[in-house]
C-alpha atoms as a PDB file:
ATOM      1  CA  MET A   1      13.955  -4.977   0.821  1.00  0.00           C
ATOM      2  CA  VAL A   2      15.635  -4.128   4.180  1.00  0.00           C
ATOM      3  CA  TRP A   3      19.039  -6.319   5.483  1.00  0.00           C
ATOM      4  CA  ASP A   4      21.426  -6.007   8.235  1.00  0.00           C
ATOM      5  CA  ARG A   5      24.504  -3.745   7.314  1.00  0.00           C
ATOM      6  CA  ARG A   6      27.126  -5.948   8.848  1.00  0.00           C
ATOM      7  CA  THR A   7      25.800  -9.300   7.364  1.00  0.00           C
ATOM      8  CA  GLY A   8      23.919  -8.367   4.198  1.00  0.00           C
ATOM      9  CA  GLU A   9      21.223 -10.711   5.439  1.00  0.00           C
ATOM     10  CA  PRO A  10      17.790  -9.843   4.846  1.00  0.00           C
ATOM     11  CA  ILE A  11      15.452  -9.334   7.863  1.00  0.00           C
ATOM     12  CA  HIS A  12      12.249 -10.431   5.782  1.00  0.00           C
ATOM     13  CA  ASN A  13      10.996 -11.187   2.276  1.00  0.00           C
ATOM     14  CA  ALA A  14      11.421  -8.795  -0.419  1.00  0.00           C
ATOM     15  CA  ILE A  15       7.719  -6.741  -0.575  1.00  0.00           C
ATOM     16  CA  VAL A  16       7.572  -6.141  -4.392  1.00  0.00           C
ATOM     17  CA  PRO A  17       6.018  -2.931  -5.856  1.00  0.00           C
ATOM     18  CA  GLN A  18       3.106  -4.875  -6.831  1.00  0.00           C
ATOM     19  CA  ASP A  19       2.026  -5.845  -3.893  1.00  0.00           C
ATOM     20  CA  ARG A  20      -0.934  -3.419  -2.442  1.00  0.00           C
ATOM     21  CA  ARG A  21      -0.648  -4.558   1.574  1.00  0.00           C
ATOM     22  CA  THR A  22      -0.069  -1.203   2.244  1.00  0.00           C
ATOM     23  CA  ALA A  23      -2.719   0.562   0.195  1.00  0.00           C
ATOM     24  CA  THR A  24      -4.913   1.035   3.254  1.00  0.00           C
ATOM     25  CA  PHE A  25      -2.175   2.911   4.810  1.00  0.00           C
ATOM     26  CA  CYS A  26      -1.551   5.051   1.937  1.00  0.00           C
ATOM     27  CA  ASP A  27      -5.415   5.954   2.016  1.00  0.00           C
ATOM     28  CA  GLU A  28      -4.863   7.150   5.124  1.00  0.00           C
ATOM     29  CA  LEU A  29      -2.298   9.202   4.934  1.00  0.00           C
ATOM     30  CA  ARG A  30      -4.047  11.174   1.910  1.00  0.00           C
ATOM     31  CA  ARG A  31      -7.088  11.266   4.437  1.00  0.00           C
ATOM     32  CA  ALA A  32      -5.260  12.626   6.716  1.00  0.00           C
ATOM     33  CA  GLY A  33      -3.692  15.603   4.169  1.00  0.00           C
ATOM     34  CA  HIS A  34      -0.193  14.603   3.954  1.00  0.00           C
ATOM     35  CA  ALA A  35      -0.332  13.997  -0.026  1.00  0.00           C
ATOM     36  CA  ASP A  36       1.097  17.621  -0.738  1.00  0.00           C
ATOM     37  CA  LEU A  37       3.855  17.504   1.826  1.00  0.00           C
ATOM     38  CA  ILE A  38       4.944  13.743   0.496  1.00  0.00           C
ATOM     39  CA  GLN A  39       5.135  14.946  -3.331  1.00  0.00           C
ATOM     40  CA  HIS A  40       6.997  17.705  -2.282  1.00  0.00           C
ATOM     41  CA  ARG A  41       9.658  15.822  -0.027  1.00  0.00           C
ATOM     42  CA  ALA A  42       9.675  12.771  -2.022  1.00  0.00           C
ATOM     43  CA  GLY A  43       8.573  13.932  -5.394  1.00  0.00           C
ATOM     44  CA  LEU A  44       6.163  11.194  -5.401  1.00  0.00           C
ATOM     45  CA  MET A  45       2.679  10.354  -4.737  1.00  0.00           C
ATOM     46  CA  ILE A  46       1.261   8.482  -1.959  1.00  0.00           C
ATOM     47  CA  ASP A  47       0.886   5.184  -3.359  1.00  0.00           C
ATOM     48  CA  ALA A  48       1.467   1.144  -2.371  1.00  0.00           C
ATOM     49  CA  TYR A  49       3.824   0.773  -5.234  1.00  0.00           C
ATOM     50  CA  PHE A  50       6.471   2.616  -3.625  1.00  0.00           C
ATOM     51  CA  ALA A  51       8.891   1.866  -1.115  1.00  0.00           C
ATOM     52  CA  GLY A  52       7.757   3.926   1.763  1.00  0.00           C
ATOM     53  CA  SER A  53       4.653   2.321   2.782  1.00  0.00           C
ATOM     54  CA  LYS A  54       6.454  -1.338   2.513  1.00  0.00           C
ATOM     55  CA  LEU A  55       8.902  -0.126   5.095  1.00  0.00           C
ATOM     56  CA  HIS A  56       6.321   1.161   7.293  1.00  0.00           C
ATOM     57  CA  TRP A  57       4.897  -2.332   7.047  1.00  0.00           C
ATOM     58  CA  ILE A  58       7.883  -4.041   7.789  1.00  0.00           C
ATOM     59  CA  LEU A  59       8.780  -1.511  10.750  1.00  0.00           C
ATOM     60  CA  ASP A  60       5.227  -2.414  12.076  1.00  0.00           C
ATOM     61  CA  HIS A  61       4.951  -6.238  11.264  1.00  0.00           C
ATOM     62  CA  VAL A  62       8.287  -7.660  11.403  1.00  0.00           C
ATOM     63  CA  PRO A  63       9.525  -7.963  15.228  1.00  0.00           C
ATOM     64  CA  GLY A  64      12.567  -6.196  15.856  1.00  0.00           C
ATOM     65  CA  PRO A  65      13.437  -4.204  13.093  1.00  0.00           C
ATOM     66  CA  ARG A  66      12.544  -0.461  14.282  1.00  0.00           C
ATOM     67  CA  GLU A  67      15.224  -0.471  17.170  1.00  0.00           C
ATOM     68  CA  ARG A  68      17.452  -1.830  14.659  1.00  0.00           C
ATOM     69  CA  ALA A  69      16.986   1.071  12.387  1.00  0.00           C
ATOM     70  CA  ARG A  70      17.258   3.359  14.520  1.00  0.00           C
ATOM     71  CA  ARG A  71      20.718   2.246  16.089  1.00  0.00           C
ATOM     72  CA  GLY A  72      21.714   2.357  11.951  1.00  0.00           C
ATOM     73  CA  GLU A  73      22.064  -1.065  11.700  1.00  0.00           C
ATOM     74  CA  LEU A  74      19.973  -1.516   8.751  1.00  0.00           C
ATOM     75  CA  ALA A  75      19.780  -0.798   5.040  1.00  0.00           C
ATOM     76  CA  LEU A  76      16.800  -0.333   2.288  1.00  0.00           C
ATOM     77  CA  GLY A  77      17.625  -0.868  -0.993  1.00  0.00           C
ATOM     78  CA  THR A  78      15.945  -2.527  -4.198  1.00  0.00           C
ATOM     79  CA  ILE A  79      17.013  -6.309  -5.069  1.00  0.00           C
ATOM     80  CA  ASP A  80      19.873  -4.696  -7.343  1.00  0.00           C
ATOM     81  CA  THR A  81      20.885  -3.012  -4.998  1.00  0.00           C
ATOM     82  CA  TRP A  82      21.331  -5.774  -2.182  1.00  0.00           C
ATOM     83  CA  LEU A  83      22.684  -8.042  -5.166  1.00  0.00           C
ATOM     84  CA  SER A  84      25.239  -5.685  -5.857  1.00  0.00           C
ATOM     85  CA  ARG A  85      25.995  -5.427  -2.324  1.00  0.00           C
ATOM     86  CA  ASN A  86      26.782  -8.803  -1.900  1.00  0.00           C
ATOM     87  CA  GLN A  87      28.563  -9.236  -4.842  1.00  0.00           C
ATOM     88  CA  LEU A  88      31.060  -6.317  -3.908  1.00  0.00           C
ATOM     89  CA  MET A  89      31.471  -7.840  -0.183  1.00  0.00           C
ATOM     90  CA  THR A  90      32.117 -11.704  -1.827  1.00  0.00           C
ATOM     91  CA  THR A  91      35.002 -10.087  -4.410  1.00  0.00           C
ATOM     92  CA  VAL A  92      36.592  -7.945  -1.166  1.00  0.00           C
ATOM     93  CA  ALA A  93      36.290 -10.635   1.101  1.00  0.00           C
ATOM     94  CA  TRP A  94      37.671 -13.381  -1.431  1.00  0.00           C
ATOM     95  CA  GLN A  95      40.342 -10.422  -2.372  1.00  0.00           C
ATOM     96  CA  ALA A  96      41.489 -10.141   1.678  1.00  0.00           C
ATOM     97  CA  GLY A  97      41.873 -14.044   1.945  1.00  0.00           C
ATOM     98  CA  GLY A  98      38.465 -13.651   4.133  1.00  0.00           C
ATOM     99  CA  GLN A  99      39.950 -11.329   6.878  1.00  0.00           C
ATOM    100  CA  THR A 100      37.889  -8.254   6.257  1.00  0.00           C
ATOM    101  CA  ASP A 101      35.521  -6.275   8.442  1.00  0.00           C
ATOM    102  CA  PHE A 102      34.302  -4.079   5.322  1.00  0.00           C
ATOM    103  CA  ALA A 103      31.241  -2.460   5.556  1.00  0.00           C
ATOM    104  CA  LEU A 104      29.425  -0.748   2.118  1.00  0.00           C
ATOM    105  CA  GLU A 105      28.424   2.612   2.250  1.00  0.00           C
ATOM    106  CA  GLY A 106      25.984   4.337  -0.198  1.00  0.00           C
ATOM    107  CA  SER A 107      22.968   2.274   0.186  1.00  0.00           C
ATOM    108  CA  VAL A 108      19.675   4.284   1.585  1.00  0.00           C
ATOM    109  CA  PHE A 109      20.164   4.056   5.057  1.00  0.00           C
ATOM    110  CA  ILE A 110      17.580   3.480   7.528  1.00  0.00           C
ATOM    111  CA  GLY A 111      18.219   6.170  10.462  1.00  0.00           C
ATOM    112  CA  GLY A 112      16.238   7.626  13.563  1.00  0.00           C
ATOM    113  CA  ALA A 113      15.119  10.548  11.317  1.00  0.00           C
ATOM    114  CA  VAL A 114      13.133   7.980   8.864  1.00  0.00           C
ATOM    115  CA  VAL A 115      11.653   5.781  11.336  1.00  0.00           C
ATOM    116  CA  ALA A 116      11.321   8.287  14.047  1.00  0.00           C
END
């Protein structure tokens, strides 16, 4: 799931692990000889089950997120991460009487190096 770091609003519907829309992209990565490098760096084999190919799909098919990601405005995480973030933000805002500009740190952030 990819969301706006400041507001917590998702930029697209979540893509579940079982969704196979990125299988062709994963096949292309394997054919291009990237399997060993990706497994070495990520510790995972190339498969549409994992989040990396889903992030690639979102960046290529949803208008606008690539530039926002480069500016550090987006976060990537699981539904659990997103729910926890929103619960924390709601709690902090309530405790501060709604007067807060708190920004959660610690999610897996999408930065220029990830999307370049």
